[in-house]
Amino acid sequence: MVDSPAPDRSGVAPGALLVAAPGLTDPNFRRTVVYMIEHRPQGSLGVVLNRPSEVPVQDVLPMWAPLSSRPSAVFVGGPVETETALCLAALRTGQDPEGVDGLISVRGPVALVDLDGDPADLAPRLRGLRVFAGYSGWDARQLAGEIARGDWIVVPALPDDVVAGNGPELWARVLRRQGMPVALLATFPDDVKLN
């Protein structure tokens, strides 16, 4: 009999958010909010939700630009494979991504979008979408170690987190809605240097 891995008690799952703790100073992740797309024993993958780039979606994926949420910019999803584009969408109320060509369900009304598909086929189903250049990835046990060290706070996501145009403000907004004492972290000054 093969021992099964211990259950993940961290709360990390597709659709969860990783919110950078104030002490996380890695420039790739400082004050970021990462939406988790995949979490398996072999590794995890997500995209940073609050780092818009200067590149308009119109310049790289003009067919998808009309469906892109404001700001209609490509977001920096993370430091891995920055030439790769990923797209997340929030579906309209009552829409189910299961069995829809061009969508892969992540959690609830949030789905990955196949950018090789036809936007016109998906447009009536979508509330908005966000295009990301690159992603954030962790090897097996790496993310668990970072969470145990206190680098990340794992919280539930709302579909609006994926498509809202909050940019840098998303970090504080997500922390504030967690209640006390986690909400107090939202007041941590941005310019404080930690050693």
Protein backbone atom coordinates (compact mmCIF):
# COMPACT_ATOMS: atom_id res chain seq x y z
CA MET A 1 0.00 0.00 0.00
CA VAL A 2 1.33 3.45 -0.98
CA ASP A 3 1.14 6.18 1.63
CA SER A 4 -0.97 9.06 0.40
CA PRO A 5 0.38 12.56 0.98
CA ALA A 6 -0.83 14.40 4.05
CA PRO A 7 -3.77 16.70 3.35
CA ASP A 8 -2.89 20.33 2.64
CA ARG A 9 -3.92 22.29 5.72
CA SER A 10 -2.61 25.63 4.42
CA GLY A 11 -5.88 26.58 2.75
CA VAL A 12 -4.16 26.84 -0.63
CA ALA A 13 -6.40 25.61 -3.42
CA PRO A 14 -7.44 26.78 -6.87
CA GLY A 15 -9.35 30.02 -6.35
CA ALA A 16 -7.55 31.01 -3.14
CA LEU A 17 -5.49 34.17 -2.79
CA LEU A 18 -1.95 34.43 -1.52
CA VAL A 19 -1.50 37.87 0.00
CA ALA A 20 2.11 38.92 0.53
CA ALA A 21 2.84 39.57 4.19
CA PRO A 22 4.31 43.03 4.90
CA GLY A 23 7.68 41.41 5.62
CA LEU A 24 7.95 39.79 2.17
CA THR A 25 10.45 42.05 0.42
CA ASP A 26 11.20 40.00 -2.71
CA PRO A 27 10.62 42.60 -5.46
CA ASN A 28 8.70 40.05 -7.55
CA PHE A 29 6.11 39.63 -4.81
CA ARG A 30 6.24 42.64 -2.49
CA ARG A 31 2.63 43.68 -1.68
CA THR A 32 1.20 41.32 -4.26
CA VAL A 33 -2.04 39.36 -4.35
CA VAL A 34 -1.69 36.05 -6.19
CA TYR A 35 -4.73 34.17 -7.49
CA MET A 36 -4.07 30.43 -7.35
CA ILE A 37 -4.94 28.55 -10.52
CA GLU A 38 -3.45 25.17 -9.66
CA HIS A 39 -2.19 23.55 -6.45
CA ARG A 40 -0.94 19.97 -6.51
CA PRO A 41 1.68 17.95 -4.61
CA GLN A 42 4.02 18.44 -7.61
CA GLY A 43 3.75 22.24 -7.51
CA SER A 44 1.55 25.30 -7.63
CA LEU A 45 0.76 28.02 -10.14
CA GLY A 46 -0.95 31.39 -9.86
CA VAL A 47 -0.93 34.92 -11.26
CA VAL A 48 -0.29 38.26 -9.58
CA LEU A 49 -3.54 40.26 -9.74
CA ASN A 50 -2.27 43.72 -8.86
CA ARG A 51 0.62 44.52 -11.20
CA PRO A 52 -0.63 46.21 -14.38
CA SER A 53 2.01 46.77 -17.04
CA GLU A 54 2.24 49.67 -19.46
CA VAL A 55 1.30 47.36 -22.36
CA PRO A 56 -2.32 47.64 -23.55
CA VAL A 57 -4.10 44.36 -24.33
CA GLN A 58 -4.95 45.98 -27.69
CA ASP A 59 -1.25 45.88 -28.64
CA VAL A 60 -0.77 42.14 -28.07
CA LEU A 61 -4.23 40.53 -28.31
CA PRO A 62 -6.45 43.00 -30.19
CA MET A 63 -9.33 40.50 -30.58
CA TRP A 64 -9.58 40.17 -26.78
CA ALA A 65 -9.16 43.86 -25.92
CA PRO A 66 -12.91 44.71 -26.03
CA LEU A 67 -13.59 42.07 -23.34
CA SER A 68 -10.68 43.11 -21.13
CA SER A 69 -11.53 44.71 -17.80
CA ARG A 70 -10.24 48.19 -17.01
CA PRO A 71 -7.47 49.05 -16.97
CA SER A 72 -7.18 47.24 -20.28
CA ALA A 73 -3.52 46.45 -19.74
CA VAL A 74 -1.58 43.23 -19.72
CA PHE A 75 -0.83 42.43 -16.07
CA VAL A 76 2.48 41.01 -14.88
CA GLY A 77 1.42 37.56 -13.69
CA GLY A 78 4.79 36.67 -12.23
CA PRO A 79 8.44 36.09 -12.97
CA VAL A 80 8.05 32.69 -14.71
CA GLU A 81 7.79 32.47 -18.51
CA THR A 82 7.08 36.17 -18.96
CA GLU A 83 6.54 35.67 -22.70
CA THR A 84 3.58 33.35 -21.98
CA ALA A 85 0.08 34.84 -21.84
CA LEU A 86 -2.56 33.49 -19.47
CA CYS A 87 -6.09 34.81 -19.29
CA LEU A 88 -8.61 34.60 -16.45
CA ALA A 89 -12.25 35.55 -16.80
CA ALA A 90 -15.15 36.06 -14.42
CA LEU A 91 -18.38 34.69 -15.83
CA ARG A 92 -21.76 36.36 -15.62
CA THR A 93 -24.22 35.20 -12.98
CA GLY A 94 -25.78 31.89 -13.98
CA GLN A 95 -23.01 30.94 -16.40
CA ASP A 96 -21.10 27.71 -15.79
CA PRO A 97 -17.65 27.23 -17.36
CA GLU A 98 -17.94 23.42 -17.33
CA GLY A 99 -18.27 22.02 -20.83
CA VAL A 100 -17.85 25.40 -22.57
CA ASP A 101 -15.31 25.36 -25.39
CA GLY A 102 -12.55 27.83 -24.68
CA LEU A 103 -12.95 27.81 -20.87
CA ILE A 104 -11.30 25.74 -18.17
CA SER A 105 -12.94 26.07 -14.78
CA VAL A 106 -10.69 27.20 -11.92
CA ARG A 107 -13.24 27.82 -9.16
CA GLY A 108 -16.83 29.04 -9.18
CA PRO A 109 -17.36 31.66 -11.89
CA VAL A 110 -13.61 32.09 -12.58
CA ALA A 111 -12.09 30.26 -15.54
CA LEU A 112 -8.97 30.16 -17.67
CA VAL A 113 -9.62 31.35 -21.21
CA ASP A 114 -8.13 29.75 -24.33
CA LEU A 115 -6.72 32.78 -26.14
CA ASP A 116 -6.64 30.81 -29.41
CA GLY A 117 -10.44 30.68 -29.36
CA ASP A 118 -12.97 33.14 -30.75
CA PRO A 119 -13.80 35.96 -28.30
CA ALA A 120 -17.21 36.43 -29.92
CA ASP A 121 -18.25 32.93 -28.76
CA LEU A 122 -17.41 33.73 -25.13
CA ALA A 123 -18.37 37.41 -24.94
CA PRO A 124 -22.01 36.86 -23.85
CA ARG A 125 -20.88 34.63 -20.97
CA LEU A 126 -18.18 36.91 -19.52
CA ARG A 127 -18.33 39.78 -17.04
CA GLY A 128 -14.72 40.61 -17.75
CA LEU A 129 -11.30 39.16 -18.24
CA ARG A 130 -7.70 39.87 -17.43
CA VAL A 131 -4.61 38.98 -19.50
CA PHE A 132 -1.36 38.14 -17.69
CA ALA A 133 2.20 37.95 -18.99
CA GLY A 134 3.96 35.18 -17.11
CA TYR A 135 2.93 33.44 -13.94
CA SER A 136 4.07 32.65 -10.42
CA GLY A 137 5.13 29.07 -9.79
CA TRP A 138 6.34 26.98 -6.89
CA ASP A 139 7.91 23.53 -6.81
CA ALA A 140 6.62 20.79 -4.52
CA ARG A 141 6.80 21.89 -0.88
CA GLN A 142 8.29 25.30 -1.77
CA LEU A 143 5.02 27.18 -1.26
CA ALA A 144 4.29 25.32 2.00
CA GLY A 145 7.69 26.44 3.28
CA GLU A 146 7.02 30.07 2.35
CA ILE A 147 3.63 29.98 4.08
CA ALA A 148 5.14 28.38 7.20
CA ARG A 149 7.81 31.12 7.23
CA GLY A 150 5.04 33.74 7.23
CA ASP A 151 5.62 35.12 3.72
CA TRP A 152 2.00 34.59 2.59
CA ILE A 153 -1.45 34.93 4.09
CA VAL A 154 -3.91 32.52 2.46
CA VAL A 155 -7.45 33.89 2.11
CA PRO A 156 -10.54 33.21 -0.02
CA ALA A 157 -10.88 35.07 -3.31
CA LEU A 158 -13.89 36.89 -4.69
CA PRO A 159 -14.53 36.76 -8.45
CA ASP A 160 -14.22 40.57 -8.57
CA ASP A 161 -10.61 40.28 -7.35
CA VAL A 162 -9.72 38.82 -10.74
CA VAL A 163 -11.27 41.54 -12.88
CA ALA A 164 -11.48 44.63 -10.65
CA GLY A 165 -9.18 47.47 -11.66
CA ASN A 166 -7.60 47.95 -8.25
CA GLY A 167 -3.93 47.67 -9.13
CA PRO A 168 -1.75 48.28 -6.07
CA GLU A 169 -4.80 49.05 -3.86
CA LEU A 170 -5.98 45.43 -4.10
CA TRP A 171 -3.43 44.32 -1.47
CA ALA A 172 -4.89 46.54 1.26
CA ARG A 173 -8.49 45.93 0.16
CA VAL A 174 -8.16 42.15 0.44
CA LEU A 175 -6.48 42.41 3.85
CA ARG A 176 -9.14 44.82 5.19
CA ARG A 177 -11.98 42.44 4.42
CA GLN A 178 -10.41 39.62 6.47
CA GLY A 179 -11.43 41.03 9.82
CA MET A 180 -9.24 41.50 12.87
CA PRO A 181 -6.32 41.04 13.43
CA VAL A 182 -5.36 40.39 9.77
CA ALA A 183 -7.13 43.58 8.64
CA LEU A 184 -4.60 45.63 10.62
CA LEU A 185 -1.87 44.57 8.18
CA ALA A 186 -3.53 46.78 5.55
CA THR A 187 -2.35 49.80 7.54
CA PHE A 188 1.30 48.73 7.40
CA PRO A 189 3.22 51.62 5.81
CA ASP A 190 4.55 50.93 2.33
CA ASP A 191 7.84 52.73 2.90
CA VAL A 192 8.98 50.80 5.99
CA LYS A 193 12.13 48.78 5.32
CA LEU A 194 12.35 45.45 7.12
CA ASN A 195 15.58 43.56 7.71
